[in-house]
Every structure is written in C-alpha cells, then in structure tokens.
Amino acid sequence: MLVDDITIYIKAGNGGRGAVAFQKNKMALGPTGARGGNGANVYLEGVADLGALRQFRNKKDFLAPNGEQGKSQFNDGHKGDDLTLRIPVGTVIHNLTTKTQSELIKIGERLLVARGGFGGKGNFHFRSPTNRSPKEFQPGLPGEAFDVRLELKLIADVGFVGLPNIGKSSLINVLTNAQSKVANYQFTTLEPSLGAYYDLILADIPGLIEGASTGKGLGIKFLRHVERTRTLFHFIAADSDHPAADYKTIRKELGTYNKALLKKEEYIIISRSDMRSPAEVKKIVALFKRLKKTVIALSIYDDESLKELKKTLALLNKAKHI
C-alpha cells in the first residue's frame, strides 16, 4: 500500500555540555575544560522510490544523536552524526510547528529541517586575569524539534485520469514496465502507479468518481497527485452510454478541487474503441473534437491506434527537452 500522507516527529540532537577540568601536566596550571560537540542536524533527501514513506508507518519519532560532552586537555566533544531521512521526490514538507512548508523536487536534493543545538563552553573559555581557575561551564543548547507532515504529490509528465475501469492501467502496462493491477471491476487500482516511456514519466491515477473532490471514493487522496502532472490524458470509455457526461463529471471534480487543473494541456483518449463499431467511434471522436482538443481513439489490441498514441508521446518527449 502506498503511503502518501503521514505525520512524524523529528528532533535534532542537543549540544554537549562544556567540561570543567584543569591541567594534569606537572608544573602546568589553569583550566582545560573544552567545548561540547554540536548536536546532529536532521535532513530530508529526495529519492526516486515512490514508496519511501512506508518507513514511517510504524516508526513516527526520529531523534538525531546528541553532541558529545566536552573533555579535558582542550579536547572538544564530537559533533553528533547527522540524521538523513529519505523521502520521495515530489513530497511537500509541512512543518506543523512553525506553519511553514517546503518541498523536494529533485533526486538527491537535501533540506535541513531541524538544526542541532550548539555545544556549551567549557571552563577554559571562562578564564580571565581575575578568575584563573573558573569552574563555570555552559550546558549544550537543545536541538530543534518539530511535528512534520509529509504529503506526496507525484511529479509526472503525463497523468492518466478518468472514471474507474476504463483502461488506464492496461495502457500504462503496455507502454512501460509498470505492473498496475487490471481487472473488470471498479477501483482495481488503489494507488498511483508510475512508468517510464523513454524520458517521459507516466502516472496512472486511480479512477475518480462524482464527488471525488469532496472525498467520495478515494477522491482527494488521488486528486492531489494530478496537481504536479504537466499534461493530462483524459480517458473516456468508447462503450460508455454517456461519454460526454463522463467527461464533464471528471472535469467538474478537477475544477472543484483546483481550478488550475483545468488549464493543463489535455488529450482525450477514447479507450476500448474495439468495443464499438468504427462508425460509432467516429461519432464519439467528432463529439470531443468540438472542444478543440487532440482526440485519439485507442484500443490496446489495435497496433495502428497504439502507433498514433506513441507519436503523441514522442512529440511530448521532444517538447520536454526543448
């Protein structure tokens, strides 16, 4: 199961305490207590693994190591080893404590989310002409601690949207090495699936239904994954009794959730065209061409229709690199 929205607690390490110590060498005098080490920082790093948030399902608290206490003979304590948590590229980081947010959009990109506390001064740092044997020291400062919500929003070049069970998963399986589940019932796909077609990232978004924008079905859980896609392939089943109404249903849900989704480049894919006669498919294509959009009649069992779709994907791939 894809984990795409989870809240965790992170805490950077505390700084180490400064030391109180004096010279141990014969004939030498004076304080030698050193500074404590700084606490470890907490970083988030973007990775390609879409399921990387699964690591947070059972463990929700992440504490970075504290800095080491200061030592004698001017030896500072060691800094704590930084803690790096790897999360999928496309994750929005909501700091619930500070009410701020940021995001990771590149593989290998790192974000400092909690800074470790500074180590405290040892008594060597408190020496003065009037206080040659100080016993003062500083405790280390506490590390930052936050509640953080991690919300994954897929970053893809093309998002497949439409009602449930209309052939999106079948197509992405044909075009890529994705292994989306395929069956003849609604909500076969219960989590988004990604596949790569040359340099294009394709996202199979699970089927939406009327009311998805208000949470019906698996609505909002999946609508947020459409936000980051550059282009939409809107699937309409050729064997639907009401293709125009199906189209309007999905467009309404997209717009209700976020009006910006209606401005994305959109291609209309008339799927399962083998289930209708050529004359009936032609009428459906003509119906949608009135919207001045590119319309492709498609059957995964028809090589010619697949070739036409692949030409469109090739143009999108070329445009991506311009």
C-alpha atoms as a PDB file:
ATOM      1  CA  MET A   1       0.000   0.000   0.000  1.00  0.00           C
ATOM      2  CA  LEU A   2       1.325   3.418  -0.979  1.00  0.00           C
ATOM      3  CA  VAL A   3       1.864   5.754   1.965  1.00  0.00           C
ATOM      4  CA  ASP A   4       1.469   9.291   0.634  1.00  0.00           C
ATOM      5  CA  ASP A   5       0.464  11.380   3.660  1.00  0.00           C
ATOM      6  CA  ILE A   6       1.953  10.905   7.110  1.00  0.00           C
ATOM      7  CA  THR A   7       2.977  12.959  10.132  1.00  0.00           C
ATOM      8  CA  ILE A   8       6.189  12.325  12.055  1.00  0.00           C
ATOM      9  CA  TYR A   9       8.078  13.910  14.937  1.00  0.00           C
ATOM     10  CA  ILE A  10      11.696  14.901  14.371  1.00  0.00           C
ATOM     11  CA  LYS A  11      14.202  16.228  16.874  1.00  0.00           C
ATOM     12  CA  ALA A  12      17.737  17.386  16.219  1.00  0.00           C
ATOM     13  CA  GLY A  13      20.437  16.488  18.721  1.00  0.00           C
ATOM     14  CA  ASN A  14      21.182  18.551  21.809  1.00  0.00           C
ATOM     15  CA  GLY A  15      24.548  20.199  22.140  1.00  0.00           C
ATOM     16  CA  GLY A  16      27.009  18.552  24.528  1.00  0.00           C
ATOM     17  CA  ARG A  17      27.834  20.110  27.896  1.00  0.00           C
ATOM     18  CA  GLY A  18      31.072  22.003  28.305  1.00  0.00           C
ATOM     19  CA  ALA A  19      33.678  20.424  30.547  1.00  0.00           C
ATOM     20  CA  VAL A  20      35.179  21.597  33.850  1.00  0.00           C
ATOM     21  CA  ALA A  21      38.758  20.363  34.025  1.00  0.00           C
ATOM     22  CA  PHE A  22      42.216  21.549  34.966  1.00  0.00           C
ATOM     23  CA  GLN A  23      45.746  20.853  33.863  1.00  0.00           C
ATOM     24  CA  LYS A  24      47.012  17.375  34.608  1.00  0.00           C
ATOM     25  CA  ASN A  25      50.527  18.027  33.395  1.00  0.00           C
ATOM     26  CA  LYS A  26      53.192  18.582  36.045  1.00  0.00           C
ATOM     27  CA  MET A  27      54.096  22.225  36.627  1.00  0.00           C
ATOM     28  CA  ALA A  28      51.165  23.361  34.443  1.00  0.00           C
ATOM     29  CA  LEU A  29      48.214  25.304  35.783  1.00  0.00           C
ATOM     30  CA  GLY A  30      44.912  26.550  34.544  1.00  0.00           C
ATOM     31  CA  PRO A  31      41.558  25.323  33.175  1.00  0.00           C
ATOM     32  CA  THR A  32      41.455  22.873  30.256  1.00  0.00           C
ATOM     33  CA  GLY A  33      37.723  22.113  30.013  1.00  0.00           C
ATOM     34  CA  ALA A  34      36.719  22.091  26.331  1.00  0.00           C
ATOM     35  CA  ARG A  35      33.535  22.853  24.460  1.00  0.00           C
ATOM     36  CA  GLY A  36      30.802  20.259  23.969  1.00  0.00           C
ATOM     37  CA  GLY A  37      30.050  19.000  20.476  1.00  0.00           C
ATOM     38  CA  ASN A  38      27.137  20.351  18.453  1.00  0.00           C
ATOM     39  CA  GLY A  39      24.015  18.204  18.223  1.00  0.00           C
ATOM     40  CA  ALA A  40      23.267  16.421  14.950  1.00  0.00           C
ATOM     41  CA  ASN A  41      21.099  18.045  12.299  1.00  0.00           C
ATOM     42  CA  VAL A  42      18.129  16.344  10.634  1.00  0.00           C
ATOM     43  CA  TYR A  43      17.959  16.398   6.825  1.00  0.00           C
ATOM     44  CA  LEU A  44      15.383  15.204   4.307  1.00  0.00           C
ATOM     45  CA  GLU A  45      16.703  13.923   0.976  1.00  0.00           C
ATOM     46  CA  GLY A  46      14.738  13.333  -2.233  1.00  0.00           C
ATOM     47  CA  VAL A  47      14.869   9.852  -3.786  1.00  0.00           C
ATOM     48  CA  ALA A  48      13.185   8.211  -6.770  1.00  0.00           C
ATOM     49  CA  ASP A  49      11.495   5.484  -4.681  1.00  0.00           C
ATOM     50  CA  LEU A  50       7.766   6.224  -4.728  1.00  0.00           C
ATOM     51  CA  GLY A  51       7.224   4.034  -1.658  1.00  0.00           C
ATOM     52  CA  ALA A  52       9.888   5.624   0.541  1.00  0.00           C
ATOM     53  CA  LEU A  53       7.305   6.980   3.002  1.00  0.00           C
ATOM     54  CA  ARG A  54       6.470   3.408   4.075  1.00  0.00           C
ATOM     55  CA  GLN A  55       9.361   3.552   6.530  1.00  0.00           C
ATOM     56  CA  PHE A  56       7.296   5.969   8.644  1.00  0.00           C
ATOM     57  CA  ARG A  57       4.227   3.737   9.039  1.00  0.00           C
ATOM     58  CA  ASN A  58       5.341   2.089  12.258  1.00  0.00           C
ATOM     59  CA  LYS A  59       8.049   4.439  13.479  1.00  0.00           C
ATOM     60  CA  LYS A  60       6.961   8.058  13.919  1.00  0.00           C
ATOM     61  CA  ASP A  61       9.636   9.579  16.186  1.00  0.00           C
ATOM     62  CA  PHE A  62      13.107  10.329  14.827  1.00  0.00           C
ATOM     63  CA  LEU A  63      15.745  11.650  17.220  1.00  0.00           C
ATOM     64  CA  ALA A  64      19.168  12.715  15.980  1.00  0.00           C
ATOM     65  CA  PRO A  65      22.210  11.983  18.193  1.00  0.00           C
ATOM     66  CA  ASN A  66      23.304  14.499  20.808  1.00  0.00           C
ATOM     67  CA  GLY A  67      26.711  16.136  20.738  1.00  0.00           C
ATOM     68  CA  GLU A  68      29.371  14.632  22.939  1.00  0.00           C
ATOM     69  CA  GLN A  69      30.272  16.344  26.204  1.00  0.00           C
ATOM     70  CA  GLY A  70      33.438  18.410  26.284  1.00  0.00           C
ATOM     71  CA  LYS A  71      36.629  16.779  27.576  1.00  0.00           C
ATOM     72  CA  SER A  72      39.702  17.801  29.485  1.00  0.00           C
ATOM     73  CA  GLN A  73      43.002  18.911  27.974  1.00  0.00           C
ATOM     74  CA  PHE A  74      41.237  21.173  25.442  1.00  0.00           C
ATOM     75  CA  ASN A  75      39.540  18.265  23.619  1.00  0.00           C
ATOM     76  CA  ASP A  76      36.181  19.357  22.268  1.00  0.00           C
ATOM     77  CA  GLY A  77      33.355  16.832  22.236  1.00  0.00           C
ATOM     78  CA  HIS A  78      32.474  15.238  18.897  1.00  0.00           C
ATOM     79  CA  LYS A  79      29.532  16.538  16.887  1.00  0.00           C
ATOM     80  CA  GLY A  80      26.579  14.159  16.606  1.00  0.00           C
ATOM     81  CA  ASP A  81      26.255  12.300  13.292  1.00  0.00           C
ATOM     82  CA  ASP A  82      23.595  13.969  11.158  1.00  0.00           C
ATOM     83  CA  LEU A  83      20.352  12.061  10.559  1.00  0.00           C
ATOM     84  CA  THR A  84      19.128  11.876   6.947  1.00  0.00           C
ATOM     85  CA  LEU A  85      15.599  10.686   6.172  1.00  0.00           C
ATOM     86  CA  ARG A  86      14.949   9.768   2.530  1.00  0.00           C
ATOM     87  CA  ILE A  87      11.584  10.694   1.058  1.00  0.00           C
ATOM     88  CA  PRO A  88      10.128  10.525  -2.473  1.00  0.00           C
ATOM     89  CA  VAL A  89      10.729  13.375  -4.872  1.00  0.00           C
ATOM     90  CA  GLY A  90       7.520  15.394  -5.035  1.00  0.00           C
ATOM     91  CA  THR A  91       6.926  15.368  -1.277  1.00  0.00           C
ATOM     92  CA  VAL A  92       5.621  18.578   0.294  1.00  0.00           C
ATOM     93  CA  ILE A  93       7.032  19.098   3.792  1.00  0.00           C
ATOM     94  CA  HIS A  94       4.557  20.821   6.115  1.00  0.00           C
ATOM     95  CA  ASN A  95       6.163  21.998   9.357  1.00  0.00           C
ATOM     96  CA  LEU A  96       3.143  21.883  11.647  1.00  0.00           C
ATOM     97  CA  THR A  97       5.022  23.619  14.449  1.00  0.00           C
ATOM     98  CA  THR A  98       6.182  26.690  12.515  1.00  0.00           C
ATOM     99  CA  LYS A  99       3.295  26.654   9.991  1.00  0.00           C
ATOM    100  CA  THR A 100       5.717  26.728   7.047  1.00  0.00           C
ATOM    101  CA  GLN A 101       6.149  24.412   4.097  1.00  0.00           C
ATOM    102  CA  SER A 102       8.771  23.443   1.540  1.00  0.00           C
ATOM    103  CA  GLU A 103       9.262  20.650  -0.983  1.00  0.00           C
ATOM    104  CA  LEU A 104      11.817  18.401  -2.618  1.00  0.00           C
ATOM    105  CA  ILE A 105      11.562  18.184  -6.408  1.00  0.00           C
ATOM    106  CA  LYS A 106      14.940  16.758  -7.444  1.00  0.00           C
ATOM    107  CA  ILE A 107      16.618  13.435  -6.747  1.00  0.00           C
ATOM    108  CA  GLY A 108      19.468  13.980  -4.291  1.00  0.00           C
ATOM    109  CA  GLU A 109      18.168  17.377  -3.151  1.00  0.00           C
ATOM    110  CA  ARG A 110      18.627  17.834   0.605  1.00  0.00           C
ATOM    111  CA  LEU A 111      16.726  20.023   3.014  1.00  0.00           C
ATOM    112  CA  LEU A 112      17.788  20.925   6.564  1.00  0.00           C
ATOM    113  CA  VAL A 113      14.604  20.552   8.614  1.00  0.00           C
ATOM    114  CA  ALA A 114      15.933  20.638  12.184  1.00  0.00           C
ATOM    115  CA  ARG A 115      19.198  22.183  13.358  1.00  0.00           C
ATOM    116  CA  GLY A 116      21.209  20.651  16.166  1.00  0.00           C
ATOM    117  CA  GLY A 117      21.917  22.642  19.321  1.00  0.00           C
ATOM    118  CA  PHE A 118      25.308  24.266  19.858  1.00  0.00           C
ATOM    119  CA  GLY A 119      27.694  22.688  22.305  1.00  0.00           C
ATOM    120  CA  GLY A 120      28.300  24.551  25.564  1.00  0.00           C
ATOM    121  CA  LYS A 121      31.575  26.229  26.524  1.00  0.00           C
ATOM    122  CA  GLY A 122      33.949  24.526  28.910  1.00  0.00           C
ATOM    123  CA  ASN A 123      35.665  26.321  31.805  1.00  0.00           C
ATOM    124  CA  PHE A 124      38.717  27.125  29.637  1.00  0.00           C
ATOM    125  CA  HIS A 125      36.572  29.729  27.867  1.00  0.00           C
ATOM    126  CA  PHE A 126      35.735  31.478  31.151  1.00  0.00           C
ATOM    127  CA  ARG A 127      39.324  32.176  32.232  1.00  0.00           C
ATOM    128  CA  SER A 128      40.275  35.782  32.870  1.00  0.00           C
ATOM    129  CA  PRO A 129      43.014  37.743  34.687  1.00  0.00           C
ATOM    130  CA  THR A 130      40.805  37.855  37.772  1.00  0.00           C
ATOM    131  CA  ASN A 131      39.457  34.290  37.504  1.00  0.00           C
ATOM    132  CA  ARG A 132      42.303  31.936  36.733  1.00  0.00           C
ATOM    133  CA  SER A 133      40.563  28.788  37.994  1.00  0.00           C
ATOM    134  CA  PRO A 134      36.992  29.136  36.722  1.00  0.00           C
ATOM    135  CA  LYS A 135      34.528  26.380  37.375  1.00  0.00           C
ATOM    136  CA  GLU A 136      31.836  27.826  35.141  1.00  0.00           C
ATOM    137  CA  PHE A 137      30.600  25.930  32.108  1.00  0.00           C
ATOM    138  CA  GLN A 138      27.646  26.039  29.723  1.00  0.00           C
ATOM    139  CA  PRO A 139      25.146  23.262  29.106  1.00  0.00           C
ATOM    140  CA  GLY A 140      24.529  22.480  25.465  1.00  0.00           C
ATOM    141  CA  LEU A 141      21.593  24.102  23.719  1.00  0.00           C
ATOM    142  CA  PRO A 142      18.632  21.910  22.795  1.00  0.00           C
ATOM    143  CA  GLY A 143      18.152  20.844  19.185  1.00  0.00           C
ATOM    144  CA  GLU A 144      15.122  21.966  17.224  1.00  0.00           C
ATOM    145  CA  ALA A 145      12.060  19.715  17.388  1.00  0.00           C
ATOM    146  CA  PHE A 146       9.063  19.761  15.054  1.00  0.00           C
ATOM    147  CA  ASP A 147       5.967  17.860  14.023  1.00  0.00           C
ATOM    148  CA  VAL A 148       6.261  17.424  10.264  1.00  0.00           C
ATOM    149  CA  ARG A 149       3.595  16.291   7.809  1.00  0.00           C
ATOM    150  CA  LEU A 150       4.931  14.648   4.641  1.00  0.00           C
ATOM    151  CA  GLU A 151       2.497  14.829   1.713  1.00  0.00           C
ATOM    152  CA  LEU A 152       3.475  13.116  -1.514  1.00  0.00           C
ATOM    153  CA  LYS A 153       2.320  14.705  -4.761  1.00  0.00           C
ATOM    154  CA  LEU A 154       3.548  12.784  -7.769  1.00  0.00           C
ATOM    155  CA  ILE A 155       5.682  14.607 -10.305  1.00  0.00           C
ATOM    156  CA  ALA A 156       4.930  13.162 -13.743  1.00  0.00           C
ATOM    157  CA  ASP A 157       4.940  14.353 -17.323  1.00  0.00           C
ATOM    158  CA  VAL A 158       1.606  12.734 -18.200  1.00  0.00           C
ATOM    159  CA  GLY A 159      -1.206  11.843 -15.816  1.00  0.00           C
ATOM    160  CA  PHE A 160      -3.900   9.336 -16.829  1.00  0.00           C
ATOM    161  CA  VAL A 161      -7.276  10.432 -15.423  1.00  0.00           C
ATOM    162  CA  GLY A 162     -10.853   9.280 -15.852  1.00  0.00           C
ATOM    163  CA  LEU A 163     -13.582   7.184 -14.306  1.00  0.00           C
ATOM    164  CA  PRO A 164     -12.684   3.790 -12.815  1.00  0.00           C
ATOM    165  CA  ASN A 165     -12.151   0.737 -15.028  1.00  0.00           C
ATOM    166  CA  ILE A 166     -11.665   2.431 -18.393  1.00  0.00           C
ATOM    167  CA  GLY A 167      -8.297   1.079 -19.485  1.00  0.00           C
ATOM    168  CA  LYS A 168      -5.717   3.419 -17.927  1.00  0.00           C
ATOM    169  CA  SER A 169      -3.842   0.643 -16.152  1.00  0.00           C
ATOM    170  CA  SER A 170      -3.882  -1.612 -19.206  1.00  0.00           C
ATOM    171  CA  LEU A 171      -2.301   1.100 -21.325  1.00  0.00           C
ATOM    172  CA  ILE A 172       0.452   2.005 -18.881  1.00  0.00           C
ATOM    173  CA  ASN A 173       1.304  -1.696 -18.625  1.00  0.00           C
ATOM    174  CA  VAL A 174       1.582  -1.907 -22.432  1.00  0.00           C
ATOM    175  CA  LEU A 175       3.722   1.226 -22.734  1.00  0.00           C
ATOM    176  CA  THR A 176       6.016   0.741 -19.750  1.00  0.00           C
ATOM    177  CA  ASN A 177       7.273  -1.797 -17.252  1.00  0.00           C
ATOM    178  CA  ALA A 178       4.642  -0.717 -14.742  1.00  0.00           C
ATOM    179  CA  GLN A 179       2.607  -3.543 -13.246  1.00  0.00           C
ATOM    180  CA  SER A 180      -0.708  -1.894 -12.463  1.00  0.00           C
ATOM    181  CA  LYS A 181      -3.419  -4.311 -11.410  1.00  0.00           C
ATOM    182  CA  VAL A 182      -6.022  -4.934 -14.122  1.00  0.00           C
ATOM    183  CA  ALA A 183      -9.487  -6.443 -13.560  1.00  0.00           C
ATOM    184  CA  ASN A 184     -13.076  -5.932 -14.622  1.00  0.00           C
ATOM    185  CA  TYR A 185     -14.394  -4.037 -11.605  1.00  0.00           C
ATOM    186  CA  GLN A 186     -14.239  -0.510 -10.236  1.00  0.00           C
ATOM    187  CA  PHE A 187     -11.277   0.695  -8.155  1.00  0.00           C
ATOM    188  CA  THR A 188      -8.953  -2.045  -9.339  1.00  0.00           C
ATOM    189  CA  THR A 189      -6.117   0.469  -8.958  1.00  0.00           C
ATOM    190  CA  LEU A 190      -5.932   1.553  -5.325  1.00  0.00           C
ATOM    191  CA  GLU A 191      -2.728   3.573  -5.543  1.00  0.00           C
ATOM    192  CA  PRO A 192      -0.985   5.616  -8.236  1.00  0.00           C
ATOM    193  CA  SER A 193       1.405   3.769 -10.497  1.00  0.00           C
ATOM    194  CA  LEU A 194       4.379   5.241 -12.344  1.00  0.00           C
ATOM    195  CA  GLY A 195       6.033   4.072 -15.537  1.00  0.00           C
ATOM    196  CA  ALA A 196       8.729   5.460 -17.824  1.00  0.00           C
ATOM    197  CA  TYR A 197       8.200   5.758 -21.588  1.00  0.00           C
ATOM    198  CA  TYR A 198      11.614   6.818 -22.831  1.00  0.00           C
ATOM    199  CA  ASP A 199      12.199  10.077 -20.875  1.00  0.00           C
ATOM    200  CA  LEU A 200       8.513  10.624 -20.081  1.00  0.00           C
ATOM    201  CA  ILE A 201       7.147   9.708 -16.654  1.00  0.00           C
ATOM    202  CA  LEU A 202       3.574   8.416 -16.945  1.00  0.00           C
ATOM    203  CA  ALA A 203       1.286   8.272 -13.908  1.00  0.00           C
ATOM    204  CA  ASP A 204      -1.765   6.045 -13.741  1.00  0.00           C
ATOM    205  CA  ILE A 205      -4.055   7.932 -11.348  1.00  0.00           C
ATOM    206  CA  PRO A 206      -6.711   5.642  -9.799  1.00  0.00           C
ATOM    207  CA  GLY A 207     -10.227   6.190 -11.087  1.00  0.00           C
ATOM    208  CA  LEU A 208     -12.198   9.194  -9.908  1.00  0.00           C
ATOM    209  CA  ILE A 209     -15.960   9.338  -9.383  1.00  0.00           C
ATOM    210  CA  GLU A 210     -18.532  12.080  -8.975  1.00  0.00           C
ATOM    211  CA  GLY A 211     -17.916  13.699  -5.598  1.00  0.00           C
ATOM    212  CA  ALA A 212     -14.211  12.814  -5.562  1.00  0.00           C
ATOM    213  CA  SER A 213     -13.306  16.431  -4.768  1.00  0.00           C
ATOM    214  CA  THR A 214     -15.284  16.163  -1.529  1.00  0.00           C
ATOM    215  CA  GLY A 215     -13.710  12.862  -0.578  1.00  0.00           C
ATOM    216  CA  LYS A 216     -16.067  10.288  -2.114  1.00  0.00           C
ATOM    217  CA  GLY A 217     -14.460   7.057  -3.206  1.00  0.00           C
ATOM    218  CA  LEU A 218     -10.730   7.595  -2.890  1.00  0.00           C
ATOM    219  CA  GLY A 219     -11.106  11.155  -4.149  1.00  0.00           C
ATOM    220  CA  ILE A 220      -8.875  13.750  -2.530  1.00  0.00           C
ATOM    221  CA  LYS A 221      -6.247  11.095  -1.829  1.00  0.00           C
ATOM    222  CA  PHE A 222      -5.710  10.854  -5.604  1.00  0.00           C
ATOM    223  CA  LEU A 223      -6.647  14.312  -6.861  1.00  0.00           C
ATOM    224  CA  ARG A 224      -3.566  15.811  -5.254  1.00  0.00           C
ATOM    225  CA  HIS A 225      -1.414  13.548  -7.434  1.00  0.00           C
ATOM    226  CA  VAL A 226      -2.858  15.218 -10.547  1.00  0.00           C
ATOM    227  CA  GLU A 227      -1.619  18.654  -9.469  1.00  0.00           C
ATOM    228  CA  ARG A 228       2.023  18.047 -10.424  1.00  0.00           C
ATOM    229  CA  THR A 229       1.465  16.407 -13.824  1.00  0.00           C
ATOM    230  CA  ARG A 230       2.315  18.568 -16.839  1.00  0.00           C
ATOM    231  CA  THR A 231      -0.178  17.000 -19.249  1.00  0.00           C
ATOM    232  CA  LEU A 232      -3.421  15.085 -18.749  1.00  0.00           C
ATOM    233  CA  PHE A 233      -4.603  12.118 -20.798  1.00  0.00           C
ATOM    234  CA  HIS A 234      -8.326  12.105 -20.102  1.00  0.00           C
ATOM    235  CA  PHE A 235      -9.749   8.634 -20.735  1.00  0.00           C
ATOM    236  CA  ILE A 236     -13.335   8.169 -21.925  1.00  0.00           C
ATOM    237  CA  ALA A 237     -14.620   4.636 -22.498  1.00  0.00           C
ATOM    238  CA  ALA A 238     -15.943   4.106 -26.027  1.00  0.00           C
ATOM    239  CA  ASP A 239     -18.551   1.658 -24.690  1.00  0.00           C
ATOM    240  CA  SER A 240     -19.926   4.176 -22.189  1.00  0.00           C
ATOM    241  CA  ASP A 241     -23.619   5.035 -22.540  1.00  0.00           C
ATOM    242  CA  HIS A 242     -22.890   8.695 -21.763  1.00  0.00           C
ATOM    243  CA  PRO A 243     -19.342   9.659 -22.870  1.00  0.00           C
ATOM    244  CA  ALA A 244     -19.971  13.422 -22.772  1.00  0.00           C
ATOM    245  CA  ALA A 245     -21.411  13.200 -19.246  1.00  0.00           C
ATOM    246  CA  ASP A 246     -18.445  11.079 -18.130  1.00  0.00           C
ATOM    247  CA  TYR A 247     -16.087  13.773 -19.399  1.00  0.00           C
ATOM    248  CA  LYS A 248     -17.994  16.553 -17.635  1.00  0.00           C
ATOM    249  CA  THR A 249     -18.032  14.585 -14.365  1.00  0.00           C
ATOM    250  CA  ILE A 250     -14.253  14.332 -14.209  1.00  0.00           C
ATOM    251  CA  ARG A 251     -13.696  17.921 -15.378  1.00  0.00           C
ATOM    252  CA  LYS A 252     -16.066  19.152 -12.661  1.00  0.00           C
ATOM    253  CA  GLU A 253     -14.198  17.243  -9.961  1.00  0.00           C
ATOM    254  CA  LEU A 254     -10.833  18.501 -11.193  1.00  0.00           C
ATOM    255  CA  GLY A 255     -12.046  22.105 -11.214  1.00  0.00           C
ATOM    256  CA  THR A 256     -13.723  21.859  -7.826  1.00  0.00           C
ATOM    257  CA  TYR A 257     -10.519  20.564  -6.299  1.00  0.00           C
ATOM    258  CA  ASN A 258      -8.216  23.053  -8.027  1.00  0.00           C
ATOM    259  CA  LYS A 259      -9.182  25.275 -10.960  1.00  0.00           C
ATOM    260  CA  ALA A 260      -5.561  25.240 -12.164  1.00  0.00           C
ATOM    261  CA  LEU A 261      -6.088  21.606 -13.188  1.00  0.00           C
ATOM    262  CA  LEU A 262      -8.495  22.749 -15.895  1.00  0.00           C
ATOM    263  CA  LYS A 263      -5.732  24.794 -17.533  1.00  0.00           C
ATOM    264  CA  LYS A 264      -3.370  21.879 -18.037  1.00  0.00           C
ATOM    265  CA  GLU A 265      -2.703  20.577 -21.525  1.00  0.00           C
ATOM    266  CA  GLU A 266      -5.252  17.826 -22.127  1.00  0.00           C
ATOM    267  CA  TYR A 267      -5.569  14.989 -24.621  1.00  0.00           C
ATOM    268  CA  ILE A 268      -8.766  12.969 -24.838  1.00  0.00           C
ATOM    269  CA  ILE A 269      -8.271   9.225 -25.185  1.00  0.00           C
ATOM    270  CA  ILE A 270     -11.294   7.242 -26.358  1.00  0.00           C
ATOM    271  CA  SER A 271     -10.356   3.901 -24.795  1.00  0.00           C
ATOM    272  CA  ARG A 272     -11.669   0.442 -25.611  1.00  0.00           C
ATOM    273  CA  SER A 273     -12.514   1.535 -29.154  1.00  0.00           C
ATOM    274  CA  ASP A 274     -12.663  -2.146 -30.146  1.00  0.00           C
ATOM    275  CA  MET A 275     -15.920  -2.377 -28.171  1.00  0.00           C
ATOM    276  CA  ARG A 276     -17.762  -0.169 -30.694  1.00  0.00           C
ATOM    277  CA  SER A 277     -18.162  -0.158 -34.437  1.00  0.00           C
ATOM    278  CA  PRO A 278     -15.877   2.164 -36.410  1.00  0.00           C
ATOM    279  CA  ALA A 279     -18.876   4.389 -37.227  1.00  0.00           C
ATOM    280  CA  GLU A 280     -19.827   4.730 -33.548  1.00  0.00           C
ATOM    281  CA  VAL A 281     -16.221   5.503 -32.556  1.00  0.00           C
ATOM    282  CA  LYS A 282     -16.046   8.139 -35.293  1.00  0.00           C
ATOM    283  CA  LYS A 283     -19.124   9.869 -33.838  1.00  0.00           C
ATOM    284  CA  ILE A 284     -17.603   9.915 -30.343  1.00  0.00           C
ATOM    285  CA  VAL A 285     -14.329  11.327 -31.680  1.00  0.00           C
ATOM    286  CA  ALA A 286     -16.221  14.051 -33.572  1.00  0.00           C
ATOM    287  CA  LEU A 287     -18.152  14.902 -30.394  1.00  0.00           C
ATOM    288  CA  PHE A 288     -14.967  15.640 -28.465  1.00  0.00           C
ATOM    289  CA  LYS A 289     -13.148  17.339 -31.313  1.00  0.00           C
ATOM    290  CA  ARG A 290     -15.638  20.177 -30.905  1.00  0.00           C
ATOM    291  CA  LEU A 291     -13.703  21.014 -27.721  1.00  0.00           C
ATOM    292  CA  LYS A 292     -10.662  21.771 -29.932  1.00  0.00           C
ATOM    293  CA  LYS A 293      -8.589  19.126 -28.201  1.00  0.00           C
ATOM    294  CA  THR A 294      -6.494  16.327 -29.609  1.00  0.00           C
ATOM    295  CA  VAL A 295      -8.655  13.180 -29.585  1.00  0.00           C
ATOM    296  CA  ILE A 296      -7.225   9.677 -30.027  1.00  0.00           C
ATOM    297  CA  ALA A 297      -9.346   6.557 -30.396  1.00  0.00           C
ATOM    298  CA  LEU A 298      -7.429   3.752 -28.759  1.00  0.00           C
ATOM    299  CA  SER A 299      -7.506   0.008 -28.302  1.00  0.00           C
ATOM    300  CA  ILE A 300      -4.534  -1.782 -26.804  1.00  0.00           C
ATOM    301  CA  TYR A 301      -5.331  -4.595 -29.254  1.00  0.00           C
ATOM    302  CA  ASP A 302      -5.017  -2.298 -32.279  1.00  0.00           C
ATOM    303  CA  ASP A 303      -1.422  -1.607 -33.310  1.00  0.00           C
ATOM    304  CA  GLU A 304      -2.391   1.344 -35.517  1.00  0.00           C
ATOM    305  CA  SER A 305      -4.112   3.218 -32.701  1.00  0.00           C
ATOM    306  CA  LEU A 306      -1.166   2.492 -30.402  1.00  0.00           C
ATOM    307  CA  LYS A 307       1.188   3.930 -33.039  1.00  0.00           C
ATOM    308  CA  GLU A 308      -0.841   7.146 -33.122  1.00  0.00           C
ATOM    309  CA  LEU A 309      -0.658   7.447 -29.348  1.00  0.00           C
ATOM    310  CA  LYS A 310       3.080   6.785 -29.388  1.00  0.00           C
ATOM    311  CA  LYS A 311       3.528   9.593 -31.936  1.00  0.00           C
ATOM    312  CA  THR A 312       1.836  11.946 -29.480  1.00  0.00           C
ATOM    313  CA  LEU A 313       4.080  10.745 -26.667  1.00  0.00           C
ATOM    314  CA  ALA A 314       7.135  11.242 -28.896  1.00  0.00           C
ATOM    315  CA  LEU A 315       6.108  14.867 -29.510  1.00  0.00           C
ATOM    316  CA  LEU A 316       5.632  15.425 -25.779  1.00  0.00           C
ATOM    317  CA  ASN A 317       9.034  13.878 -25.125  1.00  0.00           C
ATOM    318  CA  LYS A 318      10.631  16.161 -27.722  1.00  0.00           C
ATOM    319  CA  ALA A 319       8.933  19.248 -26.253  1.00  0.00           C
ATOM    320  CA  LYS A 320      10.198  18.294 -22.801  1.00  0.00           C
ATOM    321  CA  HIS A 321      13.799  18.684 -23.959  1.00  0.00           C
ATOM    322  CA  ILE A 322      13.409  21.966 -25.851  1.00  0.00           C
END
